[in-house]
Protein backbone atom coordinates (compact mmCIF):
# COMPACT_ATOMS: atom_id res chain seq x y z
CA MET A 1 5.35 -18.19 -17.06
CA ARG A 2 3.37 -19.61 -14.16
CA LEU A 3 1.65 -17.31 -11.68
CA ASP A 4 1.64 -18.44 -8.07
CA PHE A 5 -1.21 -17.07 -5.97
CA SER A 6 -0.76 -19.57 -3.12
CA HIS A 7 0.26 -16.83 -0.67
CA THR A 8 -1.94 -14.09 -2.08
CA ARG A 9 -5.24 -12.68 -0.86
CA ILE A 10 -7.91 -13.29 -3.47
CA ILE A 11 -10.89 -10.97 -3.16
CA ILE A 12 -14.09 -11.08 -5.16
CA ARG A 13 -16.54 -8.29 -5.88
CA PRO A 14 -20.10 -9.50 -5.46
CA GLY A 15 -22.73 -8.91 -8.08
CA THR A 16 -21.96 -7.78 -11.58
CA THR A 17 -19.30 -5.59 -13.10
CA ASN A 18 -19.24 -4.14 -16.59
CA MET A 19 -16.47 -6.04 -18.39
CA LEU A 20 -15.88 -3.01 -20.61
CA ALA A 21 -14.45 -1.28 -17.54
CA SER A 22 -10.87 -0.13 -18.03
CA LYS A 23 -8.02 -0.83 -15.65
CA ASP A 24 -8.48 2.62 -14.12
CA GLN A 25 -12.22 2.06 -13.64
CA LEU A 26 -11.54 -1.27 -11.92
CA LEU A 27 -9.00 0.41 -9.64
CA GLU A 28 -11.60 3.03 -8.73
CA ILE A 29 -14.10 0.27 -7.87
CA ILE A 30 -11.48 -1.38 -5.65
CA LYS A 31 -10.73 1.89 -3.84
CA SER A 32 -14.13 3.55 -3.55
CA ILE A 33 -16.65 0.70 -3.51
CA MET A 34 -14.66 -2.25 -2.16
CA LYS A 35 -12.69 0.01 0.23
CA ASP A 36 -9.47 -1.89 -0.43
CA ASP A 37 -5.94 -1.03 -1.54
CA PRO A 38 -5.24 -1.99 -5.18
CA PHE A 39 -1.48 -1.83 -4.42
CA SER A 40 -1.74 -4.48 -1.70
CA GLY A 41 -0.77 -7.32 -4.03
CA ALA A 42 -4.18 -8.94 -3.65
CA VAL A 43 -5.92 -10.41 -6.68
CA PHE A 44 -9.32 -8.81 -7.28
CA LEU A 45 -11.95 -10.73 -9.24
CA PHE A 46 -14.93 -9.32 -11.13
CA CYS A 47 -17.71 -11.06 -13.05
CA ASN A 48 -20.24 -9.92 -15.65
CA ARG A 49 -24.04 -10.18 -15.53
CA LYS A 50 -24.18 -13.42 -17.51
CA ARG A 51 -21.44 -14.84 -15.26
CA ASN A 52 -19.50 -16.12 -18.22
CA ILE A 53 -16.71 -13.52 -18.17
CA LEU A 54 -14.25 -13.19 -15.29
CA LYS A 55 -11.72 -10.38 -14.98
CA MET A 56 -8.75 -10.31 -12.59
CA ILE A 57 -6.50 -7.41 -11.66
CA TRP A 58 -3.49 -7.32 -9.36
CA TRP A 59 -0.36 -5.32 -8.62
CA ASP A 60 3.01 -7.11 -8.80
CA ARG A 61 5.25 -4.21 -7.67
CA THR A 62 6.11 -3.18 -11.22
CA GLY A 63 2.66 -2.70 -12.71
CA PHE A 64 -0.90 -3.96 -12.86
CA TRP A 65 -1.82 -7.24 -14.49
CA VAL A 66 -5.29 -7.47 -16.01
CA ALA A 67 -6.52 -10.86 -17.19
CA GLN A 68 -9.87 -11.93 -18.57
CA LYS A 69 -11.46 -15.28 -19.33
CA LYS A 70 -14.70 -15.95 -21.18
CA LEU A 71 -16.40 -19.30 -20.77
CA GLU A 72 -17.68 -20.61 -24.07
CA LYS A 73 -20.34 -22.67 -22.28
CA GLY A 74 -21.79 -22.45 -18.77
CA HIS A 75 -21.19 -19.88 -16.05
CA TRP A 76 -19.30 -19.32 -12.83
CA PRO A 77 -20.98 -19.47 -9.44
CA TRP A 78 -20.86 -15.92 -8.10
CA PRO A 79 -22.08 -14.22 -4.92
CA ASP A 80 -24.73 -11.53 -5.32
CA THR A 81 -24.34 -9.66 -2.03
CA GLN A 82 -21.59 -8.42 0.24
CA GLU A 83 -22.78 -10.85 2.91
CA GLN A 84 -21.95 -13.74 0.59
CA VAL A 85 -18.49 -12.44 -0.21
CA ARG A 86 -15.60 -14.32 1.26
CA GLN A 87 -11.89 -13.92 0.95
CA LEU A 88 -11.07 -16.96 -1.13
CA ASN A 89 -8.22 -19.34 -0.51
CA LEU A 90 -6.35 -21.05 -3.34
CA GLU A 91 -8.47 -24.20 -3.14
CA GLN A 92 -11.68 -22.17 -3.40
CA ILE A 93 -10.45 -20.11 -6.34
CA GLU A 94 -9.49 -23.30 -8.15
CA MET A 95 -12.99 -24.66 -7.49
CA LEU A 96 -14.55 -21.37 -8.62
CA LEU A 97 -12.60 -21.43 -11.89
CA LYS A 98 -13.74 -25.02 -12.43
CA GLY A 99 -17.36 -23.98 -11.81
CA VAL A 100 -17.86 -25.64 -8.41
CA ASP A 101 -20.49 -23.67 -6.50
CA PHE A 102 -19.09 -23.79 -2.97
CA PHE A 103 -21.16 -20.70 -2.07
CA LYS A 104 -24.21 -22.95 -1.90
CA GLY A 105 -22.61 -25.77 0.06
CA HIS A 106 -24.57 -27.85 2.50
CA ASP A 107 -25.47 -26.26 5.81
CA GLU A 108 -24.03 -27.88 8.90
CA LEU A 109 -26.44 -30.10 10.78
CA PHE A 110 -26.58 -30.29 14.55
CA PHE A 111 -28.42 -33.09 16.33
CA SER A 112 -29.03 -33.68 20.01
CA GLU A 113 -30.25 -37.28 19.70
CA ILE A 114 -30.38 -40.15 17.26
CA ASN A 115 -33.78 -41.28 16.01
């Protein structure tokens, strides 16, 4: 089975989440802290303190999927604050899962003359 998230909102929770949290605890975080609808079909992503475990939860109209991945080496780039949070597109989530830290990309430069 191949999951297709190409037309799905992918939303990350900044900071850390306890990976021992149950499905119901994650749903409560989505509703009360993230102020979002867990039944929207969006994929919600959570990361632990060491940033080596990622947990996903989403509703597919028949039930909730919960998936978890633990990196054996390294860590994922992860935003610490709400200001850093972005709704990720498919390209960004693929980069995130590969460990590309697009959160710390280069700032745009603006020049008014050439030296």
